[in-house]
Amino acid sequence: MLGAIVGDIVGSPYEFHNIKRTDFPFLTKYNRFTDDSVMTLANAKWLTEDPSHSPEHLVKCMRELGRSAKGVGYGSSFLRWLYLPDELALPYNSWGNGAGMRVSPVGMYAKTLEECLALAKISAEVTHNHPEGIKGAQAIATCVFLARTSKDVFSEDTKSSIKEYVEKTFGYNLDFTLNEIRPSYTFDVSCQGSCPHAIRAYLEGKDFEDAVRLAVSIGGDSDTIACMTGAIAGAKGNIPEAYAKSAYQILKPSLRAVLDEFEKTLSERSL
């Protein structure tokens, strides 16, 4: 899950100032965490605190952490949802990529693919209950799960298996290259217009850093695409230590505490 946070932080300066190349400064004083990291950690908090995995507790975690982190780039529809009275905080049929960017803890937590798909659906539909929103969340969570449970996240066998499963199960077309789409790709916050691109960046990446650089180089919603790519590429904990430490320090203490508790939960589940 830390891969998602690193990806978000790396992509943050380029969200509205796209850089269509891979040779950019990876982590500088201008990098920050955004709503992507906050909502990723809200999902982690939900999985840590609620063994029943109720949607109600997820909503509570999202609204608690979301309200505690202001000015981090929430979309307008989500921002309204965040501050509605509890009884009015209902799903709003969104197909936005917020469903995909926050779901990586599910892929790290689930013990089976079936559990992964079920939890990803819950994660999405408390806000993003449009079929494309649910599909985007399930696709990213599945990629994280399959990468995490593979022998080598960057082996050609693993990449081929993930590509085949995603195309067959979710109907995403992954038969394109980033070089083909980069010149014309523009800002697209839909799941269908960004989740496949994030997965493709992982498929073309040689390692964690290369995959995240490729994700940012596409342009568009750079922090969110890099967040989703980073979640997949870093699913086995194969994040360079310097980047992991930097990202951890950029998070505010209350968010670091959520991450620490989630990592403890994952460790206990693996015993």
Protein backbone atom coordinates (compact mmCIF):
# COMPACT_ATOMS: atom_id res chain seq x y z
CA MET A 1 0.00 0.00 0.00
CA LEU A 2 2.93 2.33 0.59
CA GLY A 3 3.51 2.11 -3.16
CA ALA A 4 0.23 3.94 -3.72
CA ILE A 5 1.27 6.72 -1.35
CA VAL A 6 4.71 7.06 -2.95
CA GLY A 7 3.06 7.21 -6.39
CA ASP A 8 0.62 9.88 -5.24
CA ILE A 9 3.37 12.00 -3.71
CA VAL A 10 5.64 11.66 -6.76
CA GLY A 11 2.83 12.61 -9.12
CA SER A 12 1.50 15.51 -7.04
CA PRO A 13 3.46 18.40 -8.65
CA TYR A 14 2.44 17.28 -12.13
CA GLU A 15 -1.34 16.89 -11.78
CA PHE A 16 -2.04 20.32 -13.25
CA HIS A 17 1.40 20.81 -14.78
CA ASN A 18 1.80 17.65 -16.82
CA ILE A 19 5.26 16.52 -17.79
CA LYS A 20 5.25 14.21 -20.81
CA ARG A 21 8.59 12.54 -20.17
CA THR A 22 10.16 10.23 -17.60
CA ASP A 23 13.31 12.20 -16.66
CA PHE A 24 11.72 14.43 -14.04
CA PRO A 25 12.77 15.01 -10.39
CA PHE A 26 11.29 12.09 -8.47
CA LEU A 27 10.98 13.56 -4.97
CA THR A 28 11.62 17.22 -4.19
CA LYS A 29 10.49 19.86 -1.71
CA TYR A 30 7.43 20.43 -3.93
CA ASN A 31 6.02 16.94 -3.46
CA ARG A 32 3.09 16.45 -1.08
CA PHE A 33 0.41 13.92 -0.28
CA THR A 34 -3.02 14.48 -1.77
CA ASP A 35 -6.56 13.21 -1.30
CA ASP A 36 -5.39 9.96 -2.93
CA SER A 37 -3.19 9.10 0.04
CA VAL A 38 -5.78 10.24 2.57
CA MET A 39 -8.54 8.07 1.12
CA THR A 40 -6.16 5.14 0.65
CA LEU A 41 -5.40 5.36 4.36
CA ALA A 42 -9.11 5.67 5.16
CA ASN A 43 -9.62 2.30 3.46
CA ALA A 44 -6.70 0.89 5.45
CA LYS A 45 -8.24 2.21 8.66
CA TRP A 46 -11.55 0.54 7.78
CA LEU A 47 -9.92 -2.84 7.20
CA THR A 48 -7.86 -2.52 10.38
CA GLU A 49 -10.70 -1.51 12.69
CA ASP A 50 -13.74 -3.38 11.41
CA PRO A 51 -13.55 -7.18 11.06
CA SER A 52 -17.08 -7.18 9.65
CA HIS A 53 -16.02 -4.79 6.86
CA SER A 54 -19.25 -2.84 7.03
CA PRO A 55 -19.84 0.00 4.53
CA GLU A 56 -21.00 2.16 7.43
CA HIS A 57 -17.61 1.97 9.12
CA LEU A 58 -15.85 2.70 5.86
CA VAL A 59 -17.93 5.86 5.45
CA LYS A 60 -17.03 6.85 9.00
CA CYS A 61 -13.31 6.37 8.33
CA MET A 62 -13.42 8.27 5.04
CA ARG A 63 -15.27 11.21 6.56
CA GLU A 64 -13.07 11.27 9.66
CA LEU A 65 -9.75 11.27 7.81
CA GLY A 66 -11.11 13.36 4.96
CA ARG A 67 -12.25 16.14 7.24
CA SER A 68 -8.97 16.08 9.15
CA ALA A 69 -6.92 16.68 5.99
CA LYS A 70 -8.04 19.87 4.32
CA GLY A 71 -6.86 21.38 1.05
CA VAL A 72 -5.48 18.17 -0.41
CA GLY A 73 -7.37 18.23 -3.71
CA TYR A 74 -10.76 16.61 -3.20
CA GLY A 75 -13.05 16.63 -6.22
CA SER A 76 -16.13 18.83 -5.94
CA SER A 77 -18.67 15.98 -5.73
CA PHE A 78 -16.65 14.12 -3.14
CA LEU A 79 -16.09 17.31 -1.14
CA ARG A 80 -19.85 17.87 -0.93
CA TRP A 81 -20.31 14.25 0.18
CA LEU A 82 -17.61 14.67 2.80
CA TYR A 83 -19.44 17.45 4.63
CA LEU A 84 -23.04 16.37 4.21
CA PRO A 85 -24.98 15.39 7.36
CA ASP A 86 -24.49 11.70 8.08
CA GLU A 87 -27.97 10.71 6.96
CA LEU A 88 -27.40 12.38 3.57
CA ALA A 89 -23.96 10.94 2.84
CA LEU A 90 -25.21 8.58 0.13
CA PRO A 91 -23.55 7.16 -2.99
CA TYR A 92 -23.72 9.57 -5.92
CA ASN A 93 -23.26 7.23 -8.91
CA SER A 94 -19.72 8.36 -9.65
CA TRP A 95 -17.52 6.63 -12.22
CA GLY A 96 -14.51 8.71 -11.18
CA ASN A 97 -11.04 7.28 -10.59
CA GLY A 98 -11.31 7.98 -6.86
CA ALA A 99 -12.68 4.44 -6.65
CA GLY A 100 -9.45 3.05 -8.08
CA MET A 101 -6.97 5.27 -6.29
CA ARG A 102 -8.13 4.43 -2.76
CA VAL A 103 -8.62 0.66 -3.07
CA SER A 104 -5.06 -0.70 -2.84
CA PRO A 105 -5.33 -1.69 0.86
CA VAL A 106 -7.95 -4.24 -0.21
CA GLY A 107 -5.47 -5.93 -2.55
CA MET A 108 -2.92 -6.07 0.25
CA TYR A 109 -5.40 -7.31 2.88
CA ALA A 110 -7.48 -9.94 1.06
CA LYS A 111 -6.58 -13.59 1.49
CA THR A 112 -8.40 -14.75 -1.64
CA LEU A 113 -9.29 -13.22 -4.97
CA GLU A 114 -12.98 -13.61 -4.13
CA GLU A 115 -12.50 -11.63 -0.92
CA CYS A 116 -10.55 -9.01 -2.84
CA LEU A 117 -13.36 -8.50 -5.35
CA ALA A 118 -16.03 -8.33 -2.65
CA LEU A 119 -14.14 -5.81 -0.52
CA ALA A 120 -13.25 -3.70 -3.55
CA LYS A 121 -16.94 -3.48 -4.42
CA ILE A 122 -17.76 -2.24 -0.92
CA SER A 123 -14.86 0.21 -1.08
CA ALA A 124 -16.18 1.75 -4.27
CA GLU A 125 -19.94 1.76 -3.87
CA VAL A 126 -20.19 3.90 -0.71
CA THR A 127 -19.65 6.80 -3.15
CA HIS A 128 -18.75 5.44 -6.61
CA ASN A 129 -21.65 3.05 -7.18
CA HIS A 130 -21.69 3.47 -10.96
CA PRO A 131 -20.72 0.17 -12.66
CA GLU A 132 -17.58 1.78 -14.08
CA GLY A 133 -16.58 3.02 -10.61
CA ILE A 134 -16.99 -0.45 -9.12
CA LYS A 135 -15.16 -2.06 -12.04
CA GLY A 136 -12.24 0.35 -11.72
CA ALA A 137 -11.87 -0.39 -8.02
CA GLN A 138 -12.05 -4.14 -8.56
CA ALA A 139 -9.55 -4.01 -11.41
CA ILE A 140 -6.92 -2.10 -9.44
CA ALA A 141 -7.45 -4.16 -6.27
CA THR A 142 -7.16 -7.36 -8.31
CA CYS A 143 -3.90 -6.20 -9.90
CA VAL A 144 -2.49 -5.43 -6.46
CA PHE A 145 -3.61 -8.80 -5.13
CA LEU A 146 -2.17 -10.74 -8.09
CA ALA A 147 1.10 -8.81 -7.95
CA ARG A 148 1.38 -9.30 -4.20
CA THR A 149 0.80 -13.04 -4.42
CA SER A 150 3.17 -13.53 -7.36
CA LYS A 151 6.76 -14.74 -7.12
CA ASP A 152 8.11 -11.70 -8.93
CA VAL A 153 5.95 -8.66 -9.56
CA PHE A 154 7.95 -7.62 -12.64
CA SER A 155 8.41 -11.00 -14.30
CA GLU A 156 6.91 -11.38 -17.75
CA ASP A 157 4.83 -14.33 -16.50
CA THR A 158 3.26 -12.20 -13.78
CA LYS A 159 2.59 -9.31 -16.13
CA SER A 160 1.05 -11.60 -18.75
CA SER A 161 -1.20 -13.26 -16.15
CA ILE A 162 -2.39 -9.92 -14.78
CA LYS A 163 -3.01 -8.51 -18.25
CA GLU A 164 -4.98 -11.57 -19.32
CA TYR A 165 -7.10 -11.60 -16.16
CA VAL A 166 -7.90 -7.88 -16.32
CA GLU A 167 -8.84 -7.97 -19.99
CA LYS A 168 -11.00 -11.07 -19.60
CA THR A 169 -12.68 -10.12 -16.32
CA PHE A 170 -13.13 -6.36 -16.65
CA GLY A 171 -13.09 -5.84 -20.39
CA TYR A 172 -10.30 -3.26 -20.32
CA ASN A 173 -8.25 -3.07 -23.51
CA LEU A 174 -4.57 -3.12 -22.53
CA ASP A 175 -3.26 -3.63 -26.06
CA PHE A 176 -1.75 -0.20 -26.46
CA THR A 177 1.56 1.38 -25.56
CA LEU A 178 2.19 4.52 -23.57
CA ASN A 179 4.24 5.91 -26.44
CA GLU A 180 1.16 5.63 -28.65
CA ILE A 181 -1.18 7.50 -26.32
CA ARG A 182 1.15 9.95 -24.59
CA PRO A 183 1.02 12.75 -27.21
CA SER A 184 -2.78 12.99 -27.20
CA TYR A 185 -3.70 11.83 -23.69
CA THR A 186 -5.41 14.54 -21.65
CA PHE A 187 -6.91 14.96 -18.19
CA ASP A 188 -9.49 12.20 -17.62
CA VAL A 189 -10.81 11.49 -14.14
CA SER A 190 -13.00 8.55 -15.15
CA CYS A 191 -12.07 5.02 -14.12
CA GLN A 192 -12.38 3.85 -17.70
CA GLY A 193 -10.12 6.67 -18.88
CA SER A 194 -7.33 6.22 -16.33
CA CYS A 195 -7.34 2.80 -14.65
CA PRO A 196 -6.26 0.93 -17.81
CA HIS A 197 -3.51 3.51 -18.32
CA ALA A 198 -2.22 3.02 -14.77
CA ILE A 199 -2.16 -0.74 -15.29
CA ARG A 200 -0.37 -0.31 -18.60
CA ALA A 201 2.34 1.79 -16.90
CA TYR A 202 2.96 -1.11 -14.53
CA LEU A 203 3.05 -3.58 -17.43
CA GLU A 204 5.68 -1.51 -19.23
CA GLY A 205 7.75 -0.79 -16.12
CA LYS A 206 11.09 -2.46 -15.42
CA ASP A 207 10.90 -1.83 -11.67
CA PHE A 208 8.99 0.28 -9.15
CA GLU A 209 10.58 3.61 -10.00
CA ASP A 210 10.38 3.06 -13.75
CA ALA A 211 6.68 2.16 -13.54
CA VAL A 212 5.84 5.28 -11.51
CA ARG A 213 7.85 7.48 -13.87
CA LEU A 214 5.96 6.01 -16.81
CA ALA A 215 2.63 6.66 -15.05
CA VAL A 216 3.46 10.33 -14.49
CA SER A 217 4.76 10.71 -18.06
CA ILE A 218 1.33 9.94 -19.52
CA GLY A 219 0.03 13.28 -18.27
CA GLY A 220 -3.58 13.79 -17.27
CA ASP A 221 -4.46 13.11 -13.63
CA SER A 222 -0.83 12.38 -12.84
CA ASP A 223 -0.97 11.85 -9.08
CA THR A 224 -3.92 9.46 -9.27
CA ILE A 225 -2.53 7.44 -12.17
CA ALA A 226 0.83 7.18 -10.39
CA CYS A 227 -0.96 6.24 -7.16
CA MET A 228 -2.66 3.29 -8.87
CA THR A 229 0.48 2.23 -10.72
CA GLY A 230 2.58 2.53 -7.57
CA ALA A 231 0.13 0.34 -5.66
CA ILE A 232 0.59 -2.48 -8.17
CA ALA A 233 4.31 -2.01 -8.72
CA GLY A 234 5.06 -1.88 -4.99
CA ALA A 235 2.75 -4.70 -3.92
CA LYS A 236 5.59 -6.94 -2.74
CA GLY A 237 7.28 -4.20 -0.75
CA ASN A 238 9.84 -3.68 -3.48
CA ILE A 239 9.99 0.10 -3.03
CA PRO A 240 13.45 1.68 -2.76
CA GLU A 241 14.05 2.43 0.90
CA ALA A 242 14.89 6.08 0.35
CA TYR A 243 11.57 6.71 -1.39
CA ALA A 244 9.60 4.81 1.23
CA LYS A 245 11.23 6.83 4.03
CA SER A 246 10.67 10.14 2.27
CA ALA A 247 7.01 9.43 1.61
CA TYR A 248 6.49 8.26 5.19
CA GLN A 249 7.93 11.53 6.51
CA ILE A 250 5.78 13.63 4.19
CA LEU A 251 2.63 12.15 5.73
CA LYS A 252 1.41 13.94 8.83
CA PRO A 253 1.72 11.97 12.10
CA SER A 254 -1.95 10.98 12.33
CA LEU A 255 -1.78 9.44 8.86
CA ARG A 256 1.50 7.68 9.65
CA ALA A 257 -0.23 6.12 12.64
CA VAL A 258 -2.96 4.68 10.38
CA LEU A 259 -0.31 3.26 8.06
CA ASP A 260 1.57 1.72 10.97
CA GLU A 261 -1.56 0.03 12.30
CA PHE A 262 -2.42 -1.34 8.88
CA GLU A 263 1.07 -2.75 8.42
CA LYS A 264 0.74 -4.40 11.84
CA THR A 265 -2.60 -5.89 10.81
CA LEU A 266 -1.10 -7.30 7.60
CA SER A 267 1.75 -8.82 9.56
CA GLU A 268 -0.64 -10.50 11.99
CA ARG A 269 -2.79 -11.86 9.14
CA SER A 270 0.26 -13.49 7.56
CA LEU A 271 1.29 -15.38 10.71
